[in-house]
Amino acid sequence: MFLQEKETGNLVKIMDVAVLSNPTEPDVVVRSQQGEEEQDPEPVPKQGLIFPSGESLPRCWLDANYRTA
């Protein structure tokens, strides 16, 4: 799965979609698609990612208490 960094607009490949959809995990490991080769995996905050269409990530992926708010 590919997402986009909010600040730079660069595409990143999500290494573990289960971690992405887990609201108790604040970070997700990605590989940046910048340049000709995939970059080394690095953790990034999920708050800084969006879908390539510009939509935000679902609240249930970011907030463990989304049902009570």
PDB file of N, CA and C in Angstrom:
ATOM      1  N   MET A   1       0.847  -1.169   0.000  1.00  0.00           N
ATOM      2  CA  MET A   1       0.000   0.000   0.000  1.00  0.00           C
ATOM      3  C   MET A   1       0.894   1.235   0.000  1.00  0.00           C
ATOM      4  N   PHE A   2       0.499   2.231  -0.754  1.00  0.00           N
ATOM      5  CA  PHE A   2       1.247   3.482  -0.827  1.00  0.00           C
ATOM      6  C   PHE A   2       0.426   4.620  -0.225  1.00  0.00           C
ATOM      7  N   LEU A   3       1.107   5.471   0.547  1.00  0.00           N
ATOM      8  CA  LEU A   3       0.520   6.686   1.077  1.00  0.00           C
ATOM      9  C   LEU A   3       1.438   7.838   0.716  1.00  0.00           C
ATOM     10  N   GLN A   4       1.038   9.027   1.074  1.00  0.00           N
ATOM     11  CA  GLN A   4       1.791  10.225   0.732  1.00  0.00           C
ATOM     12  C   GLN A   4       2.111  11.006   2.010  1.00  0.00           C
ATOM     13  N   GLU A   5       3.325  11.560   2.077  1.00  0.00           N
ATOM     14  CA  GLU A   5       3.689  12.409   3.199  1.00  0.00           C
ATOM     15  C   GLU A   5       3.023  13.760   3.014  1.00  0.00           C
ATOM     16  N   LYS A   6       2.411  14.282   4.091  1.00  0.00           N
ATOM     17  CA  LYS A   6       1.717  15.568   4.010  1.00  0.00           C
ATOM     18  C   LYS A   6       2.664  16.699   3.638  1.00  0.00           C
ATOM     19  N   GLU A   7       3.810  16.772   4.290  1.00  0.00           N
ATOM     20  CA  GLU A   7       4.719  17.913   4.118  1.00  0.00           C
ATOM     21  C   GLU A   7       5.425  17.919   2.775  1.00  0.00           C
ATOM     22  N   THR A   8       5.917  16.758   2.340  1.00  0.00           N
ATOM     23  CA  THR A   8       6.743  16.725   1.132  1.00  0.00           C
ATOM     24  C   THR A   8       5.982  16.295  -0.117  1.00  0.00           C
ATOM     25  N   GLY A   9       4.897  15.554   0.064  1.00  0.00           N
ATOM     26  CA  GLY A   9       4.160  15.022  -1.078  1.00  0.00           C
ATOM     27  C   GLY A   9       4.778  13.756  -1.638  1.00  0.00           C
ATOM     28  N   ASN A  10       5.853  13.251  -1.015  1.00  0.00           N
ATOM     29  CA  ASN A  10       6.511  12.034  -1.487  1.00  0.00           C
ATOM     30  C   ASN A  10       5.665  10.807  -1.185  1.00  0.00           C
ATOM     31  N   LEU A  11       5.687   9.847  -2.095  1.00  0.00           N
ATOM     32  CA  LEU A  11       5.010   8.577  -1.864  1.00  0.00           C
ATOM     33  C   LEU A  11       5.866   7.707  -0.963  1.00  0.00           C
ATOM     34  N   VAL A  12       5.209   6.959  -0.074  1.00  0.00           N
ATOM     35  CA  VAL A  12       5.888   6.002   0.789  1.00  0.00           C
ATOM     36  C   VAL A  12       5.144   4.676   0.727  1.00  0.00           C
ATOM     37  N   LYS A  13       5.902   3.601   0.782  1.00  0.00           N
ATOM     38  CA  LYS A  13       5.326   2.254   0.779  1.00  0.00           C
ATOM     39  C   LYS A  13       5.191   1.793   2.226  1.00  0.00           C
ATOM     40  N   ILE A  14       3.995   1.400   2.618  1.00  0.00           N
ATOM     41  CA  ILE A  14       3.728   0.916   3.970  1.00  0.00           C
ATOM     42  C   ILE A  14       4.222  -0.521   4.060  1.00  0.00           C
ATOM     43  N   MET A  15       5.068  -0.803   5.054  1.00  0.00           N
ATOM     44  CA  MET A  15       5.652  -2.127   5.186  1.00  0.00           C
ATOM     45  C   MET A  15       4.726  -3.111   5.914  1.00  0.00           C
ATOM     46  N   ASP A  16       3.849  -2.627   6.800  1.00  0.00           N
ATOM     47  CA  ASP A  16       2.944  -3.499   7.547  1.00  0.00           C
ATOM     48  C   ASP A  16       1.592  -2.798   7.693  1.00  0.00           C
ATOM     49  N   VAL A  17       0.629  -3.210   6.904  1.00  0.00           N
ATOM     50  CA  VAL A  17      -0.691  -2.576   6.906  1.00  0.00           C
ATOM     51  C   VAL A  17      -1.405  -2.802   8.237  1.00  0.00           C
ATOM     52  N   ALA A  18      -1.123  -3.908   8.917  1.00  0.00           N
ATOM     53  CA  ALA A  18      -1.750  -4.170  10.218  1.00  0.00           C
ATOM     54  C   ALA A  18      -1.350  -3.107  11.234  1.00  0.00           C
ATOM     55  N   VAL A  19      -0.102  -2.668  11.200  1.00  0.00           N
ATOM     56  CA  VAL A  19       0.352  -1.605  12.106  1.00  0.00           C
ATOM     57  C   VAL A  19      -0.310  -0.288  11.725  1.00  0.00           C
ATOM     58  N   LEU A  20      -0.467  -0.040  10.443  1.00  0.00           N
ATOM     59  CA  LEU A  20      -1.108   1.183   9.974  1.00  0.00           C
ATOM     60  C   LEU A  20      -2.532   1.301  10.503  1.00  0.00           C
ATOM     61  N   SER A  21      -3.264   0.215  10.498  1.00  0.00           N
ATOM     62  CA  SER A  21      -4.663   0.262  10.925  1.00  0.00           C
ATOM     63  C   SER A  21      -4.846   0.079  12.435  1.00  0.00           C
ATOM     64  N   ASN A  22      -3.758  -0.133  13.171  1.00  0.00           N
ATOM     65  CA  ASN A  22      -3.819  -0.285  14.624  1.00  0.00           C
ATOM     66  C   ASN A  22      -3.743   1.091  15.285  1.00  0.00           C
ATOM     67  N   PRO A  23      -4.813   1.553  15.930  1.00  0.00           N
ATOM     68  CA  PRO A  23      -4.814   2.909  16.487  1.00  0.00           C
ATOM     69  C   PRO A  23      -3.899   3.092  17.694  1.00  0.00           C
ATOM     70  N   THR A  24      -3.394   2.013  18.280  1.00  0.00           N
ATOM     71  CA  THR A  24      -2.487   2.153  19.423  1.00  0.00           C
ATOM     72  C   THR A  24      -1.035   2.326  18.992  1.00  0.00           C
ATOM     73  N   GLU A  25      -0.754   2.187  17.714  1.00  0.00           N
ATOM     74  CA  GLU A  25       0.595   2.381  17.174  1.00  0.00           C
ATOM     75  C   GLU A  25       0.690   3.777  16.572  1.00  0.00           C
ATOM     76  N   PRO A  26       1.507   4.668  17.147  1.00  0.00           N
ATOM     77  CA  PRO A  26       1.596   6.034  16.617  1.00  0.00           C
ATOM     78  C   PRO A  26       2.447   6.154  15.346  1.00  0.00           C
ATOM     79  N   ASP A  27       3.345   5.184  15.139  1.00  0.00           N
ATOM     80  CA  ASP A  27       4.245   5.220  13.984  1.00  0.00           C
ATOM     81  C   ASP A  27       4.058   3.987  13.124  1.00  0.00           C
ATOM     82  N   VAL A  28       4.469   4.102  11.873  1.00  0.00           N
ATOM     83  CA  VAL A  28       4.429   2.988  10.935  1.00  0.00           C
ATOM     84  C   VAL A  28       5.752   3.000  10.157  1.00  0.00           C
ATOM     85  N   VAL A  29       6.260   1.820   9.838  1.00  0.00           N
ATOM     86  CA  VAL A  29       7.515   1.712   9.096  1.00  0.00           C
ATOM     87  C   VAL A  29       7.209   1.807   7.603  1.00  0.00           C
ATOM     88  N   VAL A  30       7.938   2.686   6.923  1.00  0.00           N
ATOM     89  CA  VAL A  30       7.719   2.926   5.493  1.00  0.00           C
ATOM     90  C   VAL A  30       9.046   2.874   4.739  1.00  0.00           C
ATOM     91  N   ARG A  31       8.936   2.740   3.439  1.00  0.00           N
ATOM     92  CA  ARG A  31      10.076   2.886   2.528  1.00  0.00           C
ATOM     93  C   ARG A  31       9.729   4.034   1.582  1.00  0.00           C
ATOM     94  N   SER A  32      10.547   5.048   1.587  1.00  0.00           N
ATOM     95  CA  SER A  32      10.319   6.198   0.715  1.00  0.00           C
ATOM     96  C   SER A  32      10.552   5.790  -0.735  1.00  0.00           C
ATOM     97  N   GLN A  33       9.715   6.288  -1.625  1.00  0.00           N
ATOM     98  CA  GLN A  33       9.825   5.986  -3.043  1.00  0.00           C
ATOM     99  C   GLN A  33      10.541   7.099  -3.802  1.00  0.00           C
ATOM    100  N   GLN A  34      11.219   7.952  -3.090  1.00  0.00           N
ATOM    101  CA  GLN A  34      11.932   9.069  -3.689  1.00  0.00           C
ATOM    102  C   GLN A  34      13.204   8.559  -4.350  1.00  0.00           C
ATOM    103  N   GLY A  35      13.466   8.958  -5.572  1.00  0.00           N
ATOM    104  CA  GLY A  35      14.660   8.526  -6.287  1.00  0.00           C
ATOM    105  C   GLY A  35      14.389   7.277  -7.105  1.00  0.00           C
ATOM    106  N   GLU A  36      15.455   6.686  -7.625  1.00  0.00           N
ATOM    107  CA  GLU A  36      15.320   5.526  -8.492  1.00  0.00           C
ATOM    108  C   GLU A  36      15.147   4.224  -7.725  1.00  0.00           C
ATOM    109  N   GLU A  37      15.652   4.164  -6.493  1.00  0.00           N
ATOM    110  CA  GLU A  37      15.567   2.949  -5.700  1.00  0.00           C
ATOM    111  C   GLU A  37      14.799   3.206  -4.416  1.00  0.00           C
ATOM    112  N   GLU A  38      14.184   2.131  -3.897  1.00  0.00           N
ATOM    113  CA  GLU A  38      13.518   2.252  -2.608  1.00  0.00           C
ATOM    114  C   GLU A  38      14.560   2.570  -1.539  1.00  0.00           C
ATOM    115  N   GLN A  39      14.190   3.431  -0.629  1.00  0.00           N
ATOM    116  CA  GLN A  39      15.077   3.810   0.460  1.00  0.00           C
ATOM    117  C   GLN A  39      14.955   2.799   1.602  1.00  0.00           C
ATOM    118  N   ASP A  40      15.852   2.901   2.570  1.00  0.00           N
ATOM    119  CA  ASP A  40      15.813   2.011   3.735  1.00  0.00           C
ATOM    120  C   ASP A  40      14.536   2.255   4.538  1.00  0.00           C
ATOM    121  N   PRO A  41      14.014   1.199   5.181  1.00  0.00           N
ATOM    122  CA  PRO A  41      12.811   1.378   6.006  1.00  0.00           C
ATOM    123  C   PRO A  41      13.075   2.337   7.161  1.00  0.00           C
ATOM    124  N   GLU A  42      12.081   3.160   7.467  1.00  0.00           N
ATOM    125  CA  GLU A  42      12.187   4.087   8.592  1.00  0.00           C
ATOM    126  C   GLU A  42      10.804   4.311   9.190  1.00  0.00           C
ATOM    127  N   PRO A  43      10.739   4.488  10.522  1.00  0.00           N
ATOM    128  CA  PRO A  43       9.445   4.771  11.148  1.00  0.00           C
ATOM    129  C   PRO A  43       9.057   6.235  10.945  1.00  0.00           C
ATOM    130  N   VAL A  44       7.781   6.459  10.669  1.00  0.00           N
ATOM    131  CA  VAL A  44       7.250   7.820  10.552  1.00  0.00           C
ATOM    132  C   VAL A  44       5.928   7.887  11.304  1.00  0.00           C
ATOM    133  N   PRO A  45       5.577   9.068  11.831  1.00  0.00           N
ATOM    134  CA  PRO A  45       4.282   9.197  12.515  1.00  0.00           C
ATOM    135  C   PRO A  45       3.124   9.083  11.519  1.00  0.00           C
ATOM    136  N   LYS A  46       2.107   8.339  11.905  1.00  0.00           N
ATOM    137  CA  LYS A  46       0.940   8.178  11.032  1.00  0.00           C
ATOM    138  C   LYS A  46       0.224   9.508  10.813  1.00  0.00           C
ATOM    139  N   GLN A  47       0.319  10.428  11.766  1.00  0.00           N
ATOM    140  CA  GLN A  47      -0.331  11.740  11.645  1.00  0.00           C
ATOM    141  C   GLN A  47       0.184  12.513  10.438  1.00  0.00           C
ATOM    142  N   GLY A  48       1.393  12.197   9.969  1.00  0.00           N
ATOM    143  CA  GLY A  48       1.987  12.917   8.853  1.00  0.00           C
ATOM    144  C   GLY A  48       1.714  12.297   7.497  1.00  0.00           C
ATOM    145  N   LEU A  49       0.792  11.333   7.440  1.00  0.00           N
ATOM    146  CA  LEU A  49       0.495  10.635   6.185  1.00  0.00           C
ATOM    147  C   LEU A  49      -0.935  10.884   5.735  1.00  0.00           C
ATOM    148  N   ILE A  50      -1.129  10.868   4.425  1.00  0.00           N
ATOM    149  CA  ILE A  50      -2.451  10.967   3.813  1.00  0.00           C
ATOM    150  C   ILE A  50      -2.511   9.993   2.641  1.00  0.00           C
ATOM    151  N   PHE A  51      -3.696   9.759   2.136  1.00  0.00           N
ATOM    152  CA  PHE A  51      -3.842   8.963   0.921  1.00  0.00           C
ATOM    153  C   PHE A  51      -3.368   9.797  -0.270  1.00  0.00           C
ATOM    154  N   PRO A  52      -2.881   9.158  -1.343  1.00  0.00           N
ATOM    155  CA  PRO A  52      -2.442   9.914  -2.515  1.00  0.00           C
ATOM    156  C   PRO A  52      -3.530  10.812  -3.108  1.00  0.00           C
ATOM    157  N   SER A  53      -4.788  10.511  -2.843  1.00  0.00           N
ATOM    158  CA  SER A  53      -5.894  11.340  -3.339  1.00  0.00           C
ATOM    159  C   SER A  53      -6.049  12.630  -2.538  1.00  0.00           C
ATOM    160  N   GLY A  54      -5.308  12.735  -1.403  1.00  0.00           N
ATOM    161  CA  GLY A  54      -5.399  13.915  -0.560  1.00  0.00           C
ATOM    162  C   GLY A  54      -6.289  13.731   0.652  1.00  0.00           C
ATOM    163  N   GLU A  55      -6.961  12.588   0.752  1.00  0.00           N
ATOM    164  CA  GLU A  55      -7.835  12.319   1.890  1.00  0.00           C
ATOM    165  C   GLU A  55      -7.010  11.954   3.123  1.00  0.00           C
ATOM    166  N   SER A  56      -7.511  12.338   4.285  1.00  0.00           N
ATOM    167  CA  SER A  56      -6.865  11.981   5.549  1.00  0.00           C
ATOM    168  C   SER A  56      -7.068  10.502   5.847  1.00  0.00           C
ATOM    169  N   LEU A  57      -6.208   9.973   6.722  1.00  0.00           N
ATOM    170  CA  LEU A  57      -6.389   8.595   7.164  1.00  0.00           C
ATOM    171  C   LEU A  57      -7.628   8.517   8.048  1.00  0.00           C
ATOM    172  N   PRO A  58      -8.301   7.372   8.083  1.00  0.00           N
ATOM    173  CA  PRO A  58      -9.482   7.236   8.932  1.00  0.00           C
ATOM    174  C   PRO A  58      -9.127   7.461  10.402  1.00  0.00           C
ATOM    175  N   ARG A  59     -10.018   8.087  11.119  1.00  0.00           N
ATOM    176  CA  ARG A  59      -9.782   8.387  12.529  1.00  0.00           C
ATOM    177  C   ARG A  59      -9.564   7.113  13.344  1.00  0.00           C
ATOM    178  N   CYS A  60     -10.224   6.016  12.965  1.00  0.00           N
ATOM    179  CA  CYS A  60     -10.089   4.763  13.698  1.00  0.00           C
ATOM    180  C   CYS A  60      -8.694   4.158  13.547  1.00  0.00           C
ATOM    181  N   TRP A  61      -7.885   4.629  12.615  1.00  0.00           N
ATOM    182  CA  TRP A  61      -6.498   4.194  12.474  1.00  0.00           C
ATOM    183  C   TRP A  61      -5.558   5.030  13.341  1.00  0.00           C
ATOM    184  N   LEU A  62      -6.014   6.204  13.775  1.00  0.00           N
ATOM    185  CA  LEU A  62      -5.155   7.139  14.496  1.00  0.00           C
ATOM    186  C   LEU A  62      -5.496   7.287  15.970  1.00  0.00           C
ATOM    187  N   ASP A  63      -6.750   7.094  16.334  1.00  0.00           N
ATOM    188  CA  ASP A  63      -7.217   7.385  17.695  1.00  0.00           C
ATOM    189  C   ASP A  63      -7.877   6.147  18.297  1.00  0.00           C
ATOM    190  N   ALA A  64      -7.252   5.584  19.329  1.00  0.00           N
ATOM    191  CA  ALA A  64      -7.795   4.376  19.965  1.00  0.00           C
ATOM    192  C   ALA A  64      -9.133   4.642  20.647  1.00  0.00           C
ATOM    193  N   ASN A  65      -9.415   5.891  20.973  1.00  0.00           N
ATOM    194  CA  ASN A  65     -10.674   6.252  21.646  1.00  0.00           C
ATOM    195  C   ASN A  65     -11.673   6.897  20.695  1.00  0.00           C
ATOM    196  N   TYR A  66     -11.623   6.547  19.445  1.00  0.00           N
ATOM    197  CA  TYR A  66     -12.483   7.187  18.450  1.00  0.00           C
ATOM    198  C   TYR A  66     -13.969   6.951  18.707  1.00  0.00           C
ATOM    199  N   ARG A  67     -14.325   5.876  19.384  1.00  0.00           N
ATOM    200  CA  ARG A  67     -15.735   5.577  19.621  1.00  0.00           C
ATOM    201  C   ARG A  67     -16.337   6.436  20.734  1.00  0.00           C
ATOM    202  N   THR A  68     -15.514   6.922  21.647  1.00  0.00           N
ATOM    203  CA  THR A  68     -16.030   7.691  22.771  1.00  0.00           C
ATOM    204  C   THR A  68     -16.086   9.179  22.501  1.00  0.00           C
ATOM    205  N   ALA A  69     -15.472   9.625  21.440  1.00  0.00           N
ATOM    206  CA  ALA A  69     -15.439  11.075  21.154  1.00  0.00           C
ATOM    207  C   ALA A  69     -16.648  11.515  20.376  1.00  0.00           C
TER     208      ALA A  69
END
